[in-house]
Amino acid sequence: MKKLLLLLLLVPMVFASLVGCVSKQQETKLLEKISELETQLDECQNGADKLHAKMKLNFSKKEYQLCKEVYLEMEKRHPDSEFFNEVKSLYDIILKEEKAKEEIEILAAKKEKQAKLKALKKLVKRKDDVSGITWYKQPYFTHYTNTNLTSIYMGDNGSSRWLRLMMSYEGDSWIFFDRAFLSYDGNTKEIIFNEYNDKSTDNDSDVWEWIDLTVNKDVESFLREFAKSKNAKMRLSGKYTKTRKLKWRERQGIIDVLNGYDALNEYVK
């Protein structure tokens, strides 16, 4: 193999140096020799045994696209080879595996669609005739401002949909929080909010502070994993700090609203 490559490199140089002083007949012989060497090199690289070995190696590595390319080359060059049947057998296995994988993906996509539409259907829906906005909220609790809860909800004005996040604190003394965090399993996301536009306070026998703001894509992505964790926490921090673990109904409510949001965007016109 190495000798053939060396010859192929040397022959053109020799040919170039002699081309000016050799006869037409000698030139023809040199060209024939080059063609012969190229054929031998091609056979070394793409012989039936070499393609067979490539097929087995790629198959063991699950490099299925390379396997397909090798099979097509084998079919074109060596359909009558003793190695062809084994190469074809591996190729057929690949096709069956890919078909099975495709069927699983189709079934999974169908189940995902059903789950998202089911989540959308069970959300609490309220239409605001004045603003033209339909609000969708989770069905597990009403998120009053005088509670210790975290939830999200969704708005739809017919042309666009968006998510909002609400985090609230209730207690017998103010915490004066100016920072908010969501955290799960060592992953923490600070929820950036405008203290004048997004935060509100009130009091009666107790005091309460809360934020209500639009969710951006970064926070939305975080929420999708956050709500799956049994260790999901919220923290409101300022002069004092309040940290608490979310209950199941809070986490499931986030999941349901996100699924309903996906259903509206993906399946409902």
C-alpha atoms as a PDB file:
ATOM      1  CA  MET A   1       0.000   0.000   0.000  1.00  0.00           C
ATOM      2  CA  LYS A   2       2.757   2.451   1.000  1.00  0.00           C
ATOM      3  CA  LYS A   3       4.792   1.471  -2.041  1.00  0.00           C
ATOM      4  CA  LEU A   4       1.857   2.195  -4.330  1.00  0.00           C
ATOM      5  CA  LEU A   5       1.345   5.608  -2.802  1.00  0.00           C
ATOM      6  CA  LEU A   6       5.050   6.381  -3.164  1.00  0.00           C
ATOM      7  CA  LEU A   7       5.007   5.323  -6.777  1.00  0.00           C
ATOM      8  CA  LEU A   8       1.989   7.478  -7.509  1.00  0.00           C
ATOM      9  CA  LEU A   9       3.797  10.454  -6.020  1.00  0.00           C
ATOM     10  CA  LEU A  10       7.053   9.775  -7.884  1.00  0.00           C
ATOM     11  CA  VAL A  11       5.692   8.897 -11.294  1.00  0.00           C
ATOM     12  CA  PRO A  12       4.187  12.333 -12.081  1.00  0.00           C
ATOM     13  CA  MET A  13       7.494  14.018 -11.118  1.00  0.00           C
ATOM     14  CA  VAL A  14       9.515  11.640 -13.260  1.00  0.00           C
ATOM     15  CA  PHE A  15       7.022  12.077 -16.052  1.00  0.00           C
ATOM     16  CA  ALA A  16       7.254  15.853 -15.835  1.00  0.00           C
ATOM     17  CA  SER A  17      11.059  15.796 -16.054  1.00  0.00           C
ATOM     18  CA  LEU A  18      11.121  13.458 -19.026  1.00  0.00           C
ATOM     19  CA  VAL A  19       8.149  14.701 -20.953  1.00  0.00           C
ATOM     20  CA  GLY A  20      10.262  17.099 -22.942  1.00  0.00           C
ATOM     21  CA  CYS A  21      12.733  14.483 -24.136  1.00  0.00           C
ATOM     22  CA  VAL A  22      10.843  11.192 -24.490  1.00  0.00           C
ATOM     23  CA  SER A  23       9.040   9.919 -27.508  1.00  0.00           C
ATOM     24  CA  LYS A  24       5.284   9.789 -27.900  1.00  0.00           C
ATOM     25  CA  GLN A  25       5.396   6.050 -27.431  1.00  0.00           C
ATOM     26  CA  GLN A  26       7.266   6.350 -24.129  1.00  0.00           C
ATOM     27  CA  GLU A  27       4.826   9.009 -22.979  1.00  0.00           C
ATOM     28  CA  THR A  28       1.931   6.651 -23.683  1.00  0.00           C
ATOM     29  CA  LYS A  29       3.618   3.865 -21.703  1.00  0.00           C
ATOM     30  CA  LEU A  30       4.117   6.180 -18.746  1.00  0.00           C
ATOM     31  CA  LEU A  31       0.449   7.191 -18.804  1.00  0.00           C
ATOM     32  CA  GLU A  32      -0.587   3.551 -18.955  1.00  0.00           C
ATOM     33  CA  LYS A  33       1.662   2.783 -15.994  1.00  0.00           C
ATOM     34  CA  ILE A  34       0.118   5.619 -13.992  1.00  0.00           C
ATOM     35  CA  SER A  35      -3.365   4.338 -14.815  1.00  0.00           C
ATOM     36  CA  GLU A  36      -2.344   0.818 -13.764  1.00  0.00           C
ATOM     37  CA  LEU A  37      -0.945   2.078 -10.453  1.00  0.00           C
ATOM     38  CA  GLU A  38      -4.095   4.115  -9.796  1.00  0.00           C
ATOM     39  CA  THR A  39      -6.200   1.011 -10.419  1.00  0.00           C
ATOM     40  CA  GLN A  40      -4.063  -1.009  -7.998  1.00  0.00           C
ATOM     41  CA  LEU A  41      -4.315   1.720  -5.375  1.00  0.00           C
ATOM     42  CA  ASP A  42      -8.079   1.892  -5.793  1.00  0.00           C
ATOM     43  CA  GLU A  43      -8.299  -1.865  -5.390  1.00  0.00           C
ATOM     44  CA  CYS A  44      -6.214  -1.671  -2.224  1.00  0.00           C
ATOM     45  CA  GLN A  45      -8.564   0.922  -0.781  1.00  0.00           C
ATOM     46  CA  ASN A  46     -11.881  -0.348  -2.121  1.00  0.00           C
ATOM     47  CA  GLY A  47     -11.434  -4.054  -2.632  1.00  0.00           C
ATOM     48  CA  ALA A  48     -14.219  -6.341  -1.451  1.00  0.00           C
ATOM     49  CA  ASP A  49     -12.241  -7.418   1.621  1.00  0.00           C
ATOM     50  CA  LYS A  50     -11.379  -3.810   2.523  1.00  0.00           C
ATOM     51  CA  LEU A  51     -14.968  -2.629   2.206  1.00  0.00           C
ATOM     52  CA  HIS A  52     -16.121  -5.616   4.214  1.00  0.00           C
ATOM     53  CA  ALA A  53     -13.682  -4.720   7.003  1.00  0.00           C
ATOM     54  CA  LYS A  54     -14.797  -1.076   6.919  1.00  0.00           C
ATOM     55  CA  MET A  55     -18.425  -2.137   7.175  1.00  0.00           C
ATOM     56  CA  LYS A  56     -17.789  -4.287  10.263  1.00  0.00           C
ATOM     57  CA  LEU A  57     -15.737  -1.586  11.956  1.00  0.00           C
ATOM     58  CA  ASN A  58     -18.296   1.167  11.310  1.00  0.00           C
ATOM     59  CA  PHE A  59     -21.130  -1.109  12.397  1.00  0.00           C
ATOM     60  CA  SER A  60     -19.381  -1.884  15.697  1.00  0.00           C
ATOM     61  CA  LYS A  61     -19.063   1.869  16.296  1.00  0.00           C
ATOM     62  CA  LYS A  62     -22.684   2.472  15.274  1.00  0.00           C
ATOM     63  CA  GLU A  63     -21.493   4.814  12.506  1.00  0.00           C
ATOM     64  CA  TYR A  64     -24.559   3.951  10.477  1.00  0.00           C
ATOM     65  CA  GLN A  65     -24.265   6.683   7.870  1.00  0.00           C
ATOM     66  CA  LEU A  66     -20.749   5.496   7.019  1.00  0.00           C
ATOM     67  CA  CYS A  67     -22.082   1.931   6.871  1.00  0.00           C
ATOM     68  CA  LYS A  68     -24.655   2.993   4.291  1.00  0.00           C
ATOM     69  CA  GLU A  69     -21.974   4.614   2.167  1.00  0.00           C
ATOM     70  CA  VAL A  70     -19.812   1.484   2.351  1.00  0.00           C
ATOM     71  CA  TYR A  71     -22.777  -0.705   1.385  1.00  0.00           C
ATOM     72  CA  LEU A  72     -23.552   1.392  -1.691  1.00  0.00           C
ATOM     73  CA  GLU A  73     -19.899   1.203  -2.725  1.00  0.00           C
ATOM     74  CA  MET A  74     -19.907  -2.553  -2.190  1.00  0.00           C
ATOM     75  CA  GLU A  75     -23.099  -2.950  -4.191  1.00  0.00           C
ATOM     76  CA  LYS A  76     -21.640  -0.985  -7.072  1.00  0.00           C
ATOM     77  CA  ARG A  77     -18.188  -2.586  -7.130  1.00  0.00           C
ATOM     78  CA  HIS A  78     -18.513  -6.116  -5.754  1.00  0.00           C
ATOM     79  CA  PRO A  79     -22.097  -7.397  -5.890  1.00  0.00           C
ATOM     80  CA  ASP A  80     -20.843 -10.939  -6.617  1.00  0.00           C
ATOM     81  CA  SER A  81     -18.187 -10.967  -3.902  1.00  0.00           C
ATOM     82  CA  GLU A  82     -18.177 -13.590  -1.163  1.00  0.00           C
ATOM     83  CA  PHE A  83     -18.307 -10.667   1.321  1.00  0.00           C
ATOM     84  CA  PHE A  84     -21.361  -8.989  -0.168  1.00  0.00           C
ATOM     85  CA  ASN A  85     -24.020 -11.007   1.683  1.00  0.00           C
ATOM     86  CA  GLU A  86     -22.572 -10.209   5.097  1.00  0.00           C
ATOM     87  CA  VAL A  87     -22.275  -6.519   4.226  1.00  0.00           C
ATOM     88  CA  LYS A  88     -25.885  -6.524   3.045  1.00  0.00           C
ATOM     89  CA  SER A  89     -26.976  -8.351   6.202  1.00  0.00           C
ATOM     90  CA  LEU A  90     -25.459  -5.603   8.372  1.00  0.00           C
ATOM     91  CA  TYR A  91     -27.039  -2.969   6.133  1.00  0.00           C
ATOM     92  CA  ASP A  92     -30.469  -4.598   6.564  1.00  0.00           C
ATOM     93  CA  ILE A  93     -30.031  -4.623  10.360  1.00  0.00           C
ATOM     94  CA  ILE A  94     -29.315  -0.892  10.237  1.00  0.00           C
ATOM     95  CA  LEU A  95     -32.474  -0.225   8.219  1.00  0.00           C
ATOM     96  CA  LYS A  96     -34.575  -2.229  10.691  1.00  0.00           C
ATOM     97  CA  GLU A  97     -33.081  -0.414  13.678  1.00  0.00           C
ATOM     98  CA  GLU A  98     -33.671   2.976  12.088  1.00  0.00           C
ATOM     99  CA  LYS A  99     -37.255   2.079  11.245  1.00  0.00           C
ATOM    100  CA  ALA A 100     -37.893   0.884  14.807  1.00  0.00           C
ATOM    101  CA  LYS A 101     -36.337   4.078  16.185  1.00  0.00           C
ATOM    102  CA  GLU A 102     -38.492   6.193  13.894  1.00  0.00           C
ATOM    103  CA  GLU A 103     -41.650   4.390  15.043  1.00  0.00           C
ATOM    104  CA  ILE A 104     -40.686   4.940  18.704  1.00  0.00           C
ATOM    105  CA  GLU A 105     -40.095   8.643  18.031  1.00  0.00           C
ATOM    106  CA  ILE A 106     -43.453   8.975  16.285  1.00  0.00           C
ATOM    107  CA  LEU A 107     -45.211   7.272  19.199  1.00  0.00           C
ATOM    108  CA  ALA A 108     -43.357   9.457  21.727  1.00  0.00           C
ATOM    109  CA  ALA A 109     -44.295  12.606  19.804  1.00  0.00           C
ATOM    110  CA  LYS A 110     -47.929  11.492  19.738  1.00  0.00           C
ATOM    111  CA  LYS A 111     -47.929  10.861  23.512  1.00  0.00           C
ATOM    112  CA  GLU A 112     -46.248  14.208  24.132  1.00  0.00           C
ATOM    113  CA  LYS A 113     -48.898  15.990  22.073  1.00  0.00           C
ATOM    114  CA  GLN A 114     -51.694  14.243  23.969  1.00  0.00           C
ATOM    115  CA  ALA A 115     -50.105  15.116  27.328  1.00  0.00           C
ATOM    116  CA  LYS A 116     -49.725  18.780  26.400  1.00  0.00           C
ATOM    117  CA  LEU A 117     -53.273  19.083  25.094  1.00  0.00           C
ATOM    118  CA  LYS A 118     -54.543  17.360  28.243  1.00  0.00           C
ATOM    119  CA  ALA A 119     -52.597  19.835  30.398  1.00  0.00           C
ATOM    120  CA  LEU A 120     -54.046  22.757  28.426  1.00  0.00           C
ATOM    121  CA  LYS A 121     -57.582  21.431  28.847  1.00  0.00           C
ATOM    122  CA  LYS A 122     -57.349  21.268  32.646  1.00  0.00           C
ATOM    123  CA  LEU A 123     -55.974  24.794  33.107  1.00  0.00           C
ATOM    124  CA  VAL A 124     -58.313  27.357  34.634  1.00  0.00           C
ATOM    125  CA  LYS A 125     -59.291  29.687  31.789  1.00  0.00           C
ATOM    126  CA  ARG A 126     -60.624  33.224  32.181  1.00  0.00           C
ATOM    127  CA  LYS A 127     -61.350  35.712  29.405  1.00  0.00           C
ATOM    128  CA  ASP A 128     -60.916  39.441  30.100  1.00  0.00           C
ATOM    129  CA  ASP A 129     -63.361  41.093  27.688  1.00  0.00           C
ATOM    130  CA  VAL A 130     -61.925  44.550  28.273  1.00  0.00           C
ATOM    131  CA  SER A 131     -58.295  43.759  27.439  1.00  0.00           C
ATOM    132  CA  GLY A 132     -59.096  40.913  25.055  1.00  0.00           C
ATOM    133  CA  ILE A 133     -56.687  38.661  26.950  1.00  0.00           C
ATOM    134  CA  THR A 134     -57.444  35.094  27.962  1.00  0.00           C
ATOM    135  CA  TRP A 135     -55.594  34.055  31.093  1.00  0.00           C
ATOM    136  CA  TYR A 136     -54.667  30.443  31.834  1.00  0.00           C
ATOM    137  CA  LYS A 137     -53.709  29.372  35.365  1.00  0.00           C
ATOM    138  CA  GLN A 138     -52.915  26.075  37.032  1.00  0.00           C
ATOM    139  CA  PRO A 139     -55.881  24.308  38.707  1.00  0.00           C
ATOM    140  CA  TYR A 140     -54.354  23.313  42.037  1.00  0.00           C
ATOM    141  CA  PHE A 141     -54.713  26.541  44.020  1.00  0.00           C
ATOM    142  CA  THR A 142     -55.544  30.213  43.731  1.00  0.00           C
ATOM    143  CA  HIS A 143     -52.362  32.218  44.080  1.00  0.00           C
ATOM    144  CA  TYR A 144     -53.354  35.070  46.341  1.00  0.00           C
ATOM    145  CA  THR A 145     -50.789  37.752  47.065  1.00  0.00           C
ATOM    146  CA  ASN A 146     -50.914  37.092  50.815  1.00  0.00           C
ATOM    147  CA  THR A 147     -49.443  33.584  50.557  1.00  0.00           C
ATOM    148  CA  ASN A 148     -46.042  31.910  50.422  1.00  0.00           C
ATOM    149  CA  LEU A 149     -46.172  30.465  46.917  1.00  0.00           C
ATOM    150  CA  THR A 150     -44.527  30.373  43.501  1.00  0.00           C
ATOM    151  CA  SER A 151     -46.523  29.888  40.312  1.00  0.00           C
ATOM    152  CA  ILE A 152     -46.659  30.778  36.635  1.00  0.00           C
ATOM    153  CA  TYR A 153     -49.589  31.605  34.401  1.00  0.00           C
ATOM    154  CA  MET A 154     -50.147  32.374  30.731  1.00  0.00           C
ATOM    155  CA  GLY A 155     -51.738  35.123  28.681  1.00  0.00           C
ATOM    156  CA  ASP A 156     -53.115  34.893  25.138  1.00  0.00           C
ATOM    157  CA  ASN A 157     -54.394  37.917  23.214  1.00  0.00           C
ATOM    158  CA  GLY A 158     -55.053  36.036  19.983  1.00  0.00           C
ATOM    159  CA  SER A 159     -51.855  37.093  18.252  1.00  0.00           C
ATOM    160  CA  SER A 160     -49.266  36.232  20.896  1.00  0.00           C
ATOM    161  CA  ARG A 161     -48.820  34.174  24.059  1.00  0.00           C
ATOM    162  CA  TRP A 162     -46.598  34.833  27.039  1.00  0.00           C
ATOM    163  CA  LEU A 163     -45.791  33.492  30.491  1.00  0.00           C
ATOM    164  CA  ARG A 164     -45.735  35.322  33.800  1.00  0.00           C
ATOM    165  CA  LEU A 165     -44.116  34.339  37.076  1.00  0.00           C
ATOM    166  CA  MET A 166     -45.466  35.165  40.515  1.00  0.00           C
ATOM    167  CA  MET A 167     -43.485  34.745  43.752  1.00  0.00           C
ATOM    168  CA  SER A 168     -45.060  35.857  47.023  1.00  0.00           C
ATOM    169  CA  TYR A 169     -44.244  36.128  50.724  1.00  0.00           C
ATOM    170  CA  GLU A 170     -46.540  36.407  53.737  1.00  0.00           C
ATOM    171  CA  GLY A 171     -45.460  36.787  57.354  1.00  0.00           C
ATOM    172  CA  ASP A 172     -45.670  38.788  60.542  1.00  0.00           C
ATOM    173  CA  SER A 173     -42.763  41.066  59.604  1.00  0.00           C
ATOM    174  CA  TRP A 174     -41.329  42.631  56.461  1.00  0.00           C
ATOM    175  CA  ILE A 175     -38.338  41.076  54.700  1.00  0.00           C
ATOM    176  CA  PHE A 176     -37.981  43.991  52.237  1.00  0.00           C
ATOM    177  CA  PHE A 177     -36.683  41.666  49.541  1.00  0.00           C
ATOM    178  CA  ASP A 178     -35.002  43.150  46.475  1.00  0.00           C
ATOM    179  CA  ARG A 179     -33.651  39.902  45.014  1.00  0.00           C
ATOM    180  CA  ALA A 180     -35.414  36.657  44.087  1.00  0.00           C
ATOM    181  CA  PHE A 181     -34.018  33.226  43.292  1.00  0.00           C
ATOM    182  CA  LEU A 182     -35.196  29.829  42.106  1.00  0.00           C
ATOM    183  CA  SER A 183     -32.970  26.830  42.796  1.00  0.00           C
ATOM    184  CA  TYR A 184     -32.902  23.056  42.365  1.00  0.00           C
ATOM    185  CA  ASP A 185     -30.205  20.412  42.864  1.00  0.00           C
ATOM    186  CA  GLY A 186     -27.366  22.933  42.926  1.00  0.00           C
ATOM    187  CA  ASN A 187     -28.684  25.002  39.998  1.00  0.00           C
ATOM    188  CA  THR A 188     -29.707  28.566  40.813  1.00  0.00           C
ATOM    189  CA  LYS A 189     -31.354  31.245  38.697  1.00  0.00           C
ATOM    190  CA  GLU A 190     -31.739  34.820  39.878  1.00  0.00           C
ATOM    191  CA  ILE A 191     -35.060  36.292  38.835  1.00  0.00           C
ATOM    192  CA  ILE A 192     -34.332  39.842  37.754  1.00  0.00           C
ATOM    193  CA  PHE A 193     -37.208  42.228  38.427  1.00  0.00           C
ATOM    194  CA  ASN A 194     -37.903  45.946  38.527  1.00  0.00           C
ATOM    195  CA  GLU A 195     -38.591  46.903  42.127  1.00  0.00           C
ATOM    196  CA  TYR A 196     -41.018  49.645  41.073  1.00  0.00           C
ATOM    197  CA  ASN A 197     -42.882  47.940  38.202  1.00  0.00           C
ATOM    198  CA  ASP A 198     -42.827  44.270  39.186  1.00  0.00           C
ATOM    199  CA  LYS A 199     -42.976  44.291  42.993  1.00  0.00           C
ATOM    200  CA  SER A 200     -45.914  45.135  45.250  1.00  0.00           C
ATOM    201  CA  THR A 201     -46.552  45.132  49.000  1.00  0.00           C
ATOM    202  CA  ASP A 202     -49.553  45.260  51.324  1.00  0.00           C
ATOM    203  CA  ASN A 203     -50.419  44.555  54.912  1.00  0.00           C
ATOM    204  CA  ASP A 204     -53.264  43.912  57.314  1.00  0.00           C
ATOM    205  CA  SER A 205     -52.753  41.877  60.450  1.00  0.00           C
ATOM    206  CA  ASP A 206     -49.763  40.405  58.594  1.00  0.00           C
ATOM    207  CA  VAL A 207     -47.551  41.791  55.812  1.00  0.00           C
ATOM    208  CA  TRP A 208     -47.025  40.494  52.318  1.00  0.00           C
ATOM    209  CA  GLU A 209     -44.653  41.207  49.463  1.00  0.00           C
ATOM    210  CA  TRP A 210     -44.772  39.754  45.963  1.00  0.00           C
ATOM    211  CA  ILE A 211     -43.450  40.049  42.416  1.00  0.00           C
ATOM    212  CA  ASP A 212     -45.372  39.432  39.208  1.00  0.00           C
ATOM    213  CA  LEU A 213     -43.408  39.690  35.965  1.00  0.00           C
ATOM    214  CA  THR A 214     -43.130  38.424  32.404  1.00  0.00           C
ATOM    215  CA  VAL A 215     -40.948  35.323  31.931  1.00  0.00           C
ATOM    216  CA  ASN A 216     -38.127  35.561  29.383  1.00  0.00           C
ATOM    217  CA  LYS A 217     -36.819  32.590  27.391  1.00  0.00           C
ATOM    218  CA  ASP A 218     -33.888  32.010  29.725  1.00  0.00           C
ATOM    219  CA  VAL A 219     -36.107  31.744  32.799  1.00  0.00           C
ATOM    220  CA  GLU A 220     -38.630  29.648  30.873  1.00  0.00           C
ATOM    221  CA  SER A 221     -35.917  27.135  30.015  1.00  0.00           C
ATOM    222  CA  PHE A 222     -34.813  27.016  33.658  1.00  0.00           C
ATOM    223  CA  LEU A 223     -38.370  26.476  34.880  1.00  0.00           C
ATOM    224  CA  ARG A 224     -38.785  23.384  32.701  1.00  0.00           C
ATOM    225  CA  GLU A 225     -36.113  21.534  34.687  1.00  0.00           C
ATOM    226  CA  PHE A 226     -36.731  23.322  37.975  1.00  0.00           C
ATOM    227  CA  ALA A 227     -40.335  22.088  38.234  1.00  0.00           C
ATOM    228  CA  LYS A 228     -39.279  18.450  37.802  1.00  0.00           C
ATOM    229  CA  SER A 229     -37.096  18.490  40.910  1.00  0.00           C
ATOM    230  CA  LYS A 230     -38.407  17.498  44.329  1.00  0.00           C
ATOM    231  CA  ASN A 231     -35.757  19.835  45.708  1.00  0.00           C
ATOM    232  CA  ALA A 232     -37.103  22.967  43.948  1.00  0.00           C
ATOM    233  CA  LYS A 233     -36.791  26.048  46.169  1.00  0.00           C
ATOM    234  CA  MET A 234     -37.615  29.748  46.103  1.00  0.00           C
ATOM    235  CA  ARG A 235     -35.723  32.461  47.956  1.00  0.00           C
ATOM    236  CA  LEU A 236     -36.628  36.089  48.514  1.00  0.00           C
ATOM    237  CA  SER A 237     -33.770  38.113  49.912  1.00  0.00           C
ATOM    238  CA  GLY A 238     -33.315  41.695  51.111  1.00  0.00           C
ATOM    239  CA  LYS A 239     -32.963  43.024  54.620  1.00  0.00           C
ATOM    240  CA  TYR A 240     -34.085  39.543  55.647  1.00  0.00           C
ATOM    241  CA  THR A 241     -34.313  36.296  53.716  1.00  0.00           C
ATOM    242  CA  LYS A 242     -37.128  33.797  53.221  1.00  0.00           C
ATOM    243  CA  THR A 243     -36.327  30.395  51.688  1.00  0.00           C
ATOM    244  CA  ARG A 244     -38.786  27.559  51.217  1.00  0.00           C
ATOM    245  CA  LYS A 245     -39.168  24.323  49.261  1.00  0.00           C
ATOM    246  CA  LEU A 246     -42.005  24.206  46.727  1.00  0.00           C
ATOM    247  CA  LYS A 247     -44.841  21.804  47.299  1.00  0.00           C
ATOM    248  CA  TRP A 248     -45.905  19.236  44.718  1.00  0.00           C
ATOM    249  CA  ARG A 249     -48.909  21.315  43.623  1.00  0.00           C
ATOM    250  CA  GLU A 250     -46.659  24.298  42.886  1.00  0.00           C
ATOM    251  CA  ARG A 251     -44.223  22.244  40.810  1.00  0.00           C
ATOM    252  CA  GLN A 252     -46.987  20.383  38.981  1.00  0.00           C
ATOM    253  CA  GLY A 253     -48.752  23.673  38.318  1.00  0.00           C
ATOM    254  CA  ILE A 254     -45.627  25.021  36.616  1.00  0.00           C
ATOM    255  CA  ILE A 255     -45.330  21.864  34.521  1.00  0.00           C
ATOM    256  CA  ASP A 256     -48.994  22.003  33.474  1.00  0.00           C
ATOM    257  CA  VAL A 257     -48.838  25.667  32.464  1.00  0.00           C
ATOM    258  CA  LEU A 258     -45.654  25.084  30.464  1.00  0.00           C
ATOM    259  CA  ASN A 259     -47.265  22.112  28.702  1.00  0.00           C
ATOM    260  CA  GLY A 260     -50.387  24.156  28.018  1.00  0.00           C
ATOM    261  CA  TYR A 261     -48.215  26.961  26.684  1.00  0.00           C
ATOM    262  CA  ASP A 262     -46.494  24.509  24.331  1.00  0.00           C
ATOM    263  CA  ALA A 263     -49.857  23.096  23.240  1.00  0.00           C
ATOM    264  CA  LEU A 264     -51.173  26.552  22.330  1.00  0.00           C
ATOM    265  CA  ASN A 265     -48.041  27.390  20.380  1.00  0.00           C
ATOM    266  CA  GLU A 266     -47.612  24.040  18.654  1.00  0.00           C
ATOM    267  CA  TYR A 267     -51.096  22.627  18.104  1.00  0.00           C
ATOM    268  CA  VAL A 268     -53.711  25.356  18.490  1.00  0.00           C
ATOM    269  CA  LYS A 269     -54.039  28.004  15.792  1.00  0.00           C
END
